[in-house]
Amino acid sequence: MLFGHNTNVTVGDAHYHVQTEDRGVAHAVIDTAVYLSGRVVHRRTNNYSDLLPLDAGKEAILKQRVDEQHHGIEEELRNGSLKPAEAGAAATSAEQARDLRVELSNAANWLKGKQASLQVLVQDRSGEAVANANVVAHMEGAVLPVRASGVTGANGIAVVEFEMPALAGAQATLVMEASSPTAKGQLRFQLRARPKVPAV
């Protein structure tokens, strides 16, 4: 089971979105990102490999860690001990310059039957298409691991195709990661219901 939170925190005139996710046992990381105007202005990660392999008791501990990390960052924003807007201008400006924007161009119809065909658009921060970027897609919450890849063309679009796996639960996340020699970016596309696939 994957745990996570998404909440909004308002501090003065700043409206932050705080997202905390368990990246799954393959990564064993609790990842929290703080967004301001759609940009990541703070990130905090903590490894939980000490809890592996998970069982019911360790899952409860993991959930507690996810909750504490998320609520802790919310509290730091509110009490002023964490000032990502100020830090973002100085500390993360270079990092943001290297970020890639990742977008699923055919978000409405990427899945037909059991066949997934992703049209992944990769742009730099100025909105220009990025050619020759490597794009890797995988599913979190699938019964069997799936990993497929492609390379963007001159239009910044990579086509990534794979057969949709069975899901382990009611929710799963499609993760698309793009990378170039100097930058990287990620898009997480949450599936809130099982895809409707015909019986075989």
C-alpha atoms as a PDB file:
ATOM      1  CA  MET A   1       0.000   0.000   0.000  1.00  0.00           C
ATOM      2  CA  LEU A   2       1.316   3.433  -0.956  1.00  0.00           C
ATOM      3  CA  PHE A   3       0.715   6.340   1.414  1.00  0.00           C
ATOM      4  CA  GLY A   4       0.609  10.046   0.636  1.00  0.00           C
ATOM      5  CA  HIS A   5      -0.904  13.480   1.229  1.00  0.00           C
ATOM      6  CA  ASN A   6      -1.769  16.536  -0.864  1.00  0.00           C
ATOM      7  CA  THR A   7      -2.654  19.749   0.957  1.00  0.00           C
ATOM      8  CA  ASN A   8      -2.589  23.511   0.437  1.00  0.00           C
ATOM      9  CA  VAL A   9      -0.959  25.887   2.903  1.00  0.00           C
ATOM     10  CA  THR A  10      -1.410  29.665   2.753  1.00  0.00           C
ATOM     11  CA  VAL A  11       1.265  31.833   4.370  1.00  0.00           C
ATOM     12  CA  GLY A  12       0.615  35.531   3.890  1.00  0.00           C
ATOM     13  CA  ASP A  13       0.199  36.078   0.147  1.00  0.00           C
ATOM     14  CA  ALA A  14       1.905  32.794  -0.759  1.00  0.00           C
ATOM     15  CA  HIS A  15      -0.192  29.733  -1.574  1.00  0.00           C
ATOM     16  CA  TYR A  16       1.839  26.539  -1.309  1.00  0.00           C
ATOM     17  CA  HIS A  17       0.869  23.042  -2.393  1.00  0.00           C
ATOM     18  CA  VAL A  18       2.505  20.309  -0.320  1.00  0.00           C
ATOM     19  CA  GLN A  19       2.694  16.803  -1.767  1.00  0.00           C
ATOM     20  CA  THR A  20       4.126  13.851   0.124  1.00  0.00           C
ATOM     21  CA  GLU A  21       4.415  10.418  -1.449  1.00  0.00           C
ATOM     22  CA  ASP A  22       5.751   7.006  -0.607  1.00  0.00           C
ATOM     23  CA  ARG A  23       7.780   6.113  -3.715  1.00  0.00           C
ATOM     24  CA  GLY A  24       7.237   2.389  -3.147  1.00  0.00           C
ATOM     25  CA  VAL A  25       9.513  -0.369  -1.896  1.00  0.00           C
ATOM     26  CA  ALA A  26      11.578  -0.305  -5.100  1.00  0.00           C
ATOM     27  CA  HIS A  27      12.833   3.147  -4.055  1.00  0.00           C
ATOM     28  CA  ALA A  28      12.057   3.093  -0.295  1.00  0.00           C
ATOM     29  CA  VAL A  29      11.845   6.875  -0.122  1.00  0.00           C
ATOM     30  CA  ILE A  30       9.323   9.276   1.401  1.00  0.00           C
ATOM     31  CA  ASP A  31       9.348  12.304  -0.887  1.00  0.00           C
ATOM     32  CA  THR A  32       7.795  15.684  -0.076  1.00  0.00           C
ATOM     33  CA  ALA A  33       7.679  18.504  -2.624  1.00  0.00           C
ATOM     34  CA  VAL A  34       6.501  22.047  -1.891  1.00  0.00           C
ATOM     35  CA  TYR A  35       5.100  23.872  -4.914  1.00  0.00           C
ATOM     36  CA  LEU A  36       4.622  27.604  -5.390  1.00  0.00           C
ATOM     37  CA  SER A  37       2.908  28.731  -8.609  1.00  0.00           C
ATOM     38  CA  GLY A  38       3.459  25.264 -10.033  1.00  0.00           C
ATOM     39  CA  ARG A  39       7.200  25.205  -9.320  1.00  0.00           C
ATOM     40  CA  VAL A  40       9.045  23.099  -6.776  1.00  0.00           C
ATOM     41  CA  VAL A  41      10.555  25.463  -4.221  1.00  0.00           C
ATOM     42  CA  HIS A  42      11.496  22.886  -1.576  1.00  0.00           C
ATOM     43  CA  ARG A  43      12.010  19.130  -1.537  1.00  0.00           C
ATOM     44  CA  ARG A  44      12.664  16.754   1.333  1.00  0.00           C
ATOM     45  CA  THR A  45      13.297  13.017   1.083  1.00  0.00           C
ATOM     46  CA  ASN A  46      13.813  10.353   3.717  1.00  0.00           C
ATOM     47  CA  ASN A  47      14.807   6.748   3.141  1.00  0.00           C
ATOM     48  CA  TYR A  48      12.916   3.934   4.874  1.00  0.00           C
ATOM     49  CA  SER A  49      14.996   0.943   3.768  1.00  0.00           C
ATOM     50  CA  ASP A  50      15.304   0.060   7.463  1.00  0.00           C
ATOM     51  CA  LEU A  51      11.650  -1.056   7.355  1.00  0.00           C
ATOM     52  CA  LEU A  52      12.097  -3.506   4.480  1.00  0.00           C
ATOM     53  CA  PRO A  53      10.674  -6.029   3.948  1.00  0.00           C
ATOM     54  CA  LEU A  54       7.345  -4.494   4.931  1.00  0.00           C
ATOM     55  CA  ASP A  55       4.755  -6.299   7.002  1.00  0.00           C
ATOM     56  CA  ALA A  56       1.578  -5.029   8.660  1.00  0.00           C
ATOM     57  CA  GLY A  57       3.451  -3.604  11.637  1.00  0.00           C
ATOM     58  CA  LYS A  58       6.119  -1.896   9.547  1.00  0.00           C
ATOM     59  CA  GLU A  59       3.466  -0.490   7.191  1.00  0.00           C
ATOM     60  CA  ALA A  60       1.904   1.220  10.206  1.00  0.00           C
ATOM     61  CA  ILE A  61       5.305   2.714  11.088  1.00  0.00           C
ATOM     62  CA  LEU A  62       5.778   3.819   7.471  1.00  0.00           C
ATOM     63  CA  LYS A  63       2.376   5.503   7.427  1.00  0.00           C
ATOM     64  CA  GLN A  64       3.294   7.329  10.629  1.00  0.00           C
ATOM     65  CA  ARG A  65       6.566   8.549   9.086  1.00  0.00           C
ATOM     66  CA  VAL A  66       4.747   9.772   5.960  1.00  0.00           C
ATOM     67  CA  ASP A  67       2.190  11.590   8.115  1.00  0.00           C
ATOM     68  CA  GLU A  68       4.853  13.151  10.352  1.00  0.00           C
ATOM     69  CA  GLN A  69       6.997  14.321   7.438  1.00  0.00           C
ATOM     70  CA  HIS A  70       4.045  15.902   5.652  1.00  0.00           C
ATOM     71  CA  HIS A  71       2.534  17.575   8.696  1.00  0.00           C
ATOM     72  CA  GLY A  72       5.972  18.665   9.886  1.00  0.00           C
ATOM     73  CA  ILE A  73       6.622  20.579   6.671  1.00  0.00           C
ATOM     74  CA  GLU A  74       3.149  22.116   6.846  1.00  0.00           C
ATOM     75  CA  GLU A  75       3.923  23.349  10.363  1.00  0.00           C
ATOM     76  CA  GLU A  76       7.354  24.682   9.343  1.00  0.00           C
ATOM     77  CA  LEU A  77       5.698  26.687   6.567  1.00  0.00           C
ATOM     78  CA  ARG A  78       3.109  28.104   8.934  1.00  0.00           C
ATOM     79  CA  ASN A  79       5.510  29.026  11.744  1.00  0.00           C
ATOM     80  CA  GLY A  80       8.050  30.539   9.353  1.00  0.00           C
ATOM     81  CA  SER A  81      10.958  28.182  10.065  1.00  0.00           C
ATOM     82  CA  LEU A  82      10.763  27.035   6.439  1.00  0.00           C
ATOM     83  CA  LYS A  83      10.788  29.892   3.913  1.00  0.00           C
ATOM     84  CA  PRO A  84      10.975  28.180   0.508  1.00  0.00           C
ATOM     85  CA  ALA A  85       9.880  31.267  -1.427  1.00  0.00           C
ATOM     86  CA  GLU A  86      12.895  33.192  -0.163  1.00  0.00           C
ATOM     87  CA  ALA A  87      15.249  30.230  -0.443  1.00  0.00           C
ATOM     88  CA  GLY A  88      13.947  29.431  -3.907  1.00  0.00           C
ATOM     89  CA  ALA A  89      15.293  32.643  -5.436  1.00  0.00           C
ATOM     90  CA  ALA A  90      18.824  32.003  -4.231  1.00  0.00           C
ATOM     91  CA  ALA A  91      19.280  28.336  -3.461  1.00  0.00           C
ATOM     92  CA  THR A  92      17.178  26.619  -6.096  1.00  0.00           C
ATOM     93  CA  SER A  93      17.369  29.010  -9.050  1.00  0.00           C
ATOM     94  CA  ALA A  94      20.140  26.957 -10.638  1.00  0.00           C
ATOM     95  CA  GLU A  95      18.233  23.734 -10.004  1.00  0.00           C
ATOM     96  CA  GLN A  96      15.046  25.136 -11.502  1.00  0.00           C
ATOM     97  CA  ALA A  97      16.940  26.234 -14.598  1.00  0.00           C
ATOM     98  CA  ARG A  98      17.770  22.583 -15.196  1.00  0.00           C
ATOM     99  CA  ASP A  99      14.223  21.289 -14.724  1.00  0.00           C
ATOM    100  CA  LEU A 100      12.293  19.816 -17.633  1.00  0.00           C
ATOM    101  CA  ARG A 101       8.553  20.132 -18.060  1.00  0.00           C
ATOM    102  CA  VAL A 102       6.891  16.794 -18.747  1.00  0.00           C
ATOM    103  CA  GLU A 103       3.353  16.646 -20.129  1.00  0.00           C
ATOM    104  CA  LEU A 104       1.139  13.802 -21.316  1.00  0.00           C
ATOM    105  CA  SER A 105      -0.194  15.238 -24.577  1.00  0.00           C
ATOM    106  CA  ASN A 106      -2.853  12.570 -25.055  1.00  0.00           C
ATOM    107  CA  ALA A 107      -4.016  12.381 -21.442  1.00  0.00           C
ATOM    108  CA  ALA A 108      -7.637  11.749 -22.512  1.00  0.00           C
ATOM    109  CA  ASN A 109      -7.003   8.745 -24.740  1.00  0.00           C
ATOM    110  CA  TRP A 110      -3.603   7.192 -23.984  1.00  0.00           C
ATOM    111  CA  LEU A 111      -5.157   3.838 -23.049  1.00  0.00           C
ATOM    112  CA  LYS A 112      -7.083   1.811 -25.632  1.00  0.00           C
ATOM    113  CA  GLY A 113      -8.077  -1.623 -24.462  1.00  0.00           C
ATOM    114  CA  LYS A 114      -4.935  -3.076 -22.909  1.00  0.00           C
ATOM    115  CA  GLN A 115      -2.511  -1.058 -25.034  1.00  0.00           C
ATOM    116  CA  ALA A 116      -0.981   2.098 -23.590  1.00  0.00           C
ATOM    117  CA  SER A 117       0.451   4.604 -26.058  1.00  0.00           C
ATOM    118  CA  LEU A 118       1.849   7.702 -24.362  1.00  0.00           C
ATOM    119  CA  GLN A 119       2.680  10.885 -26.234  1.00  0.00           C
ATOM    120  CA  VAL A 120       5.035  12.540 -23.776  1.00  0.00           C
ATOM    121  CA  LEU A 121       5.930  16.169 -24.454  1.00  0.00           C
ATOM    122  CA  VAL A 122       9.205  17.418 -22.968  1.00  0.00           C
ATOM    123  CA  GLN A 123       9.981  21.137 -22.796  1.00  0.00           C
ATOM    124  CA  ASP A 124      12.549  23.306 -21.063  1.00  0.00           C
ATOM    125  CA  ARG A 125      11.483  25.948 -18.556  1.00  0.00           C
ATOM    126  CA  SER A 126      11.005  28.512 -21.332  1.00  0.00           C
ATOM    127  CA  GLY A 127       8.525  26.233 -23.089  1.00  0.00           C
ATOM    128  CA  GLU A 128      10.840  25.191 -25.926  1.00  0.00           C
ATOM    129  CA  ALA A 129      10.666  21.584 -27.144  1.00  0.00           C
ATOM    130  CA  VAL A 130      13.585  19.409 -26.035  1.00  0.00           C
ATOM    131  CA  ALA A 131      14.837  16.939 -28.652  1.00  0.00           C
ATOM    132  CA  ASN A 132      16.741  13.712 -27.908  1.00  0.00           C
ATOM    133  CA  ALA A 133      15.559  13.535 -24.305  1.00  0.00           C
ATOM    134  CA  ASN A 134      15.193  10.056 -22.840  1.00  0.00           C
ATOM    135  CA  VAL A 135      11.698   9.299 -21.531  1.00  0.00           C
ATOM    136  CA  VAL A 136      11.007   6.328 -19.246  1.00  0.00           C
ATOM    137  CA  ALA A 137       7.521   5.318 -18.107  1.00  0.00           C
ATOM    138  CA  HIS A 138       6.637   2.878 -15.368  1.00  0.00           C
ATOM    139  CA  MET A 139       3.642   1.956 -13.232  1.00  0.00           C
ATOM    140  CA  GLU A 140       3.488   2.117  -9.454  1.00  0.00           C
ATOM    141  CA  GLY A 141       0.858  -0.158  -7.955  1.00  0.00           C
ATOM    142  CA  ALA A 142       0.945  -2.792 -10.712  1.00  0.00           C
ATOM    143  CA  VAL A 143       1.005  -6.539 -10.092  1.00  0.00           C
ATOM    144  CA  LEU A 144       3.993  -6.940 -12.419  1.00  0.00           C
ATOM    145  CA  PRO A 145       6.662  -4.296 -13.071  1.00  0.00           C
ATOM    146  CA  VAL A 146       6.390  -2.394 -16.341  1.00  0.00           C
ATOM    147  CA  ARG A 147       9.081  -0.150 -17.754  1.00  0.00           C
ATOM    148  CA  ALA A 148       9.087   1.310 -21.257  1.00  0.00           C
ATOM    149  CA  SER A 149      11.096   4.080 -22.861  1.00  0.00           C
ATOM    150  CA  GLY A 150      11.387   6.366 -25.860  1.00  0.00           C
ATOM    151  CA  VAL A 151      13.334   9.354 -27.166  1.00  0.00           C
ATOM    152  CA  THR A 152      11.873  12.751 -28.042  1.00  0.00           C
ATOM    153  CA  GLY A 153      11.956  13.987 -31.621  1.00  0.00           C
ATOM    154  CA  ALA A 154      12.493  17.521 -32.863  1.00  0.00           C
ATOM    155  CA  ASN A 155       8.959  18.381 -31.682  1.00  0.00           C
ATOM    156  CA  GLY A 156       9.832  17.343 -28.117  1.00  0.00           C
ATOM    157  CA  ILE A 157       7.445  14.357 -28.170  1.00  0.00           C
ATOM    158  CA  ALA A 158       8.371  10.778 -27.370  1.00  0.00           C
ATOM    159  CA  VAL A 159       5.965   7.901 -28.019  1.00  0.00           C
ATOM    160  CA  VAL A 160       6.161   5.257 -25.292  1.00  0.00           C
ATOM    161  CA  GLU A 161       4.095   2.103 -25.672  1.00  0.00           C
ATOM    162  CA  PHE A 162       3.469  -0.881 -23.421  1.00  0.00           C
ATOM    163  CA  GLU A 163       0.772  -3.359 -22.477  1.00  0.00           C
ATOM    164  CA  MET A 164      -1.221  -2.220 -19.467  1.00  0.00           C
ATOM    165  CA  PRO A 165      -0.556  -4.524 -16.494  1.00  0.00           C
ATOM    166  CA  ALA A 166      -3.083  -5.647 -13.918  1.00  0.00           C
ATOM    167  CA  LEU A 167      -3.251  -3.326 -10.935  1.00  0.00           C
ATOM    168  CA  ALA A 168      -2.617  -4.491  -7.397  1.00  0.00           C
ATOM    169  CA  GLY A 169      -5.267  -2.187  -5.920  1.00  0.00           C
ATOM    170  CA  ALA A 170      -7.918   0.364  -6.792  1.00  0.00           C
ATOM    171  CA  GLN A 171      -5.308   3.048  -7.434  1.00  0.00           C
ATOM    172  CA  ALA A 172      -2.078   3.158  -9.368  1.00  0.00           C
ATOM    173  CA  THR A 173       0.275   5.859 -10.618  1.00  0.00           C
ATOM    174  CA  LEU A 174       1.742   6.218 -14.079  1.00  0.00           C
ATOM    175  CA  VAL A 175       5.172   7.824 -13.740  1.00  0.00           C
ATOM    176  CA  MET A 176       6.929   9.485 -16.684  1.00  0.00           C
ATOM    177  CA  GLU A 177      10.539  10.599 -16.234  1.00  0.00           C
ATOM    178  CA  ALA A 178      12.473  12.651 -18.793  1.00  0.00           C
ATOM    179  CA  SER A 179      16.191  13.329 -18.807  1.00  0.00           C
ATOM    180  CA  SER A 180      18.744  15.096 -20.954  1.00  0.00           C
ATOM    181  CA  PRO A 181      22.476  15.520 -20.313  1.00  0.00           C
ATOM    182  CA  THR A 182      21.810  18.642 -18.217  1.00  0.00           C
ATOM    183  CA  ALA A 183      18.227  18.393 -16.944  1.00  0.00           C
ATOM    184  CA  LYS A 184      15.474  16.085 -15.793  1.00  0.00           C
ATOM    185  CA  GLY A 185      11.785  16.194 -14.993  1.00  0.00           C
ATOM    186  CA  GLN A 186       8.941  13.959 -13.878  1.00  0.00           C
ATOM    187  CA  LEU A 187       5.177  13.717 -14.255  1.00  0.00           C
ATOM    188  CA  ARG A 188       2.995  11.512 -12.052  1.00  0.00           C
ATOM    189  CA  PHE A 189      -0.424  10.632 -13.465  1.00  0.00           C
ATOM    190  CA  GLN A 190      -2.672   9.040 -10.848  1.00  0.00           C
ATOM    191  CA  LEU A 191      -5.220   6.452 -11.944  1.00  0.00           C
ATOM    192  CA  ARG A 192      -8.117   6.639  -9.540  1.00  0.00           C
ATOM    193  CA  ALA A 193      -9.994   3.653 -10.901  1.00  0.00           C
ATOM    194  CA  ARG A 194      -9.151   0.449 -12.656  1.00  0.00           C
ATOM    195  CA  PRO A 195      -8.959   0.918 -16.425  1.00  0.00           C
ATOM    196  CA  LYS A 196     -11.786  -0.789 -18.245  1.00  0.00           C
ATOM    197  CA  VAL A 197     -10.221  -3.521 -20.319  1.00  0.00           C
ATOM    198  CA  PRO A 198     -12.016  -6.242 -22.238  1.00  0.00           C
ATOM    199  CA  ALA A 199     -11.775  -9.798 -20.944  1.00  0.00           C
ATOM    200  CA  VAL A 200      -9.252 -11.943 -22.737  1.00  0.00           C
END
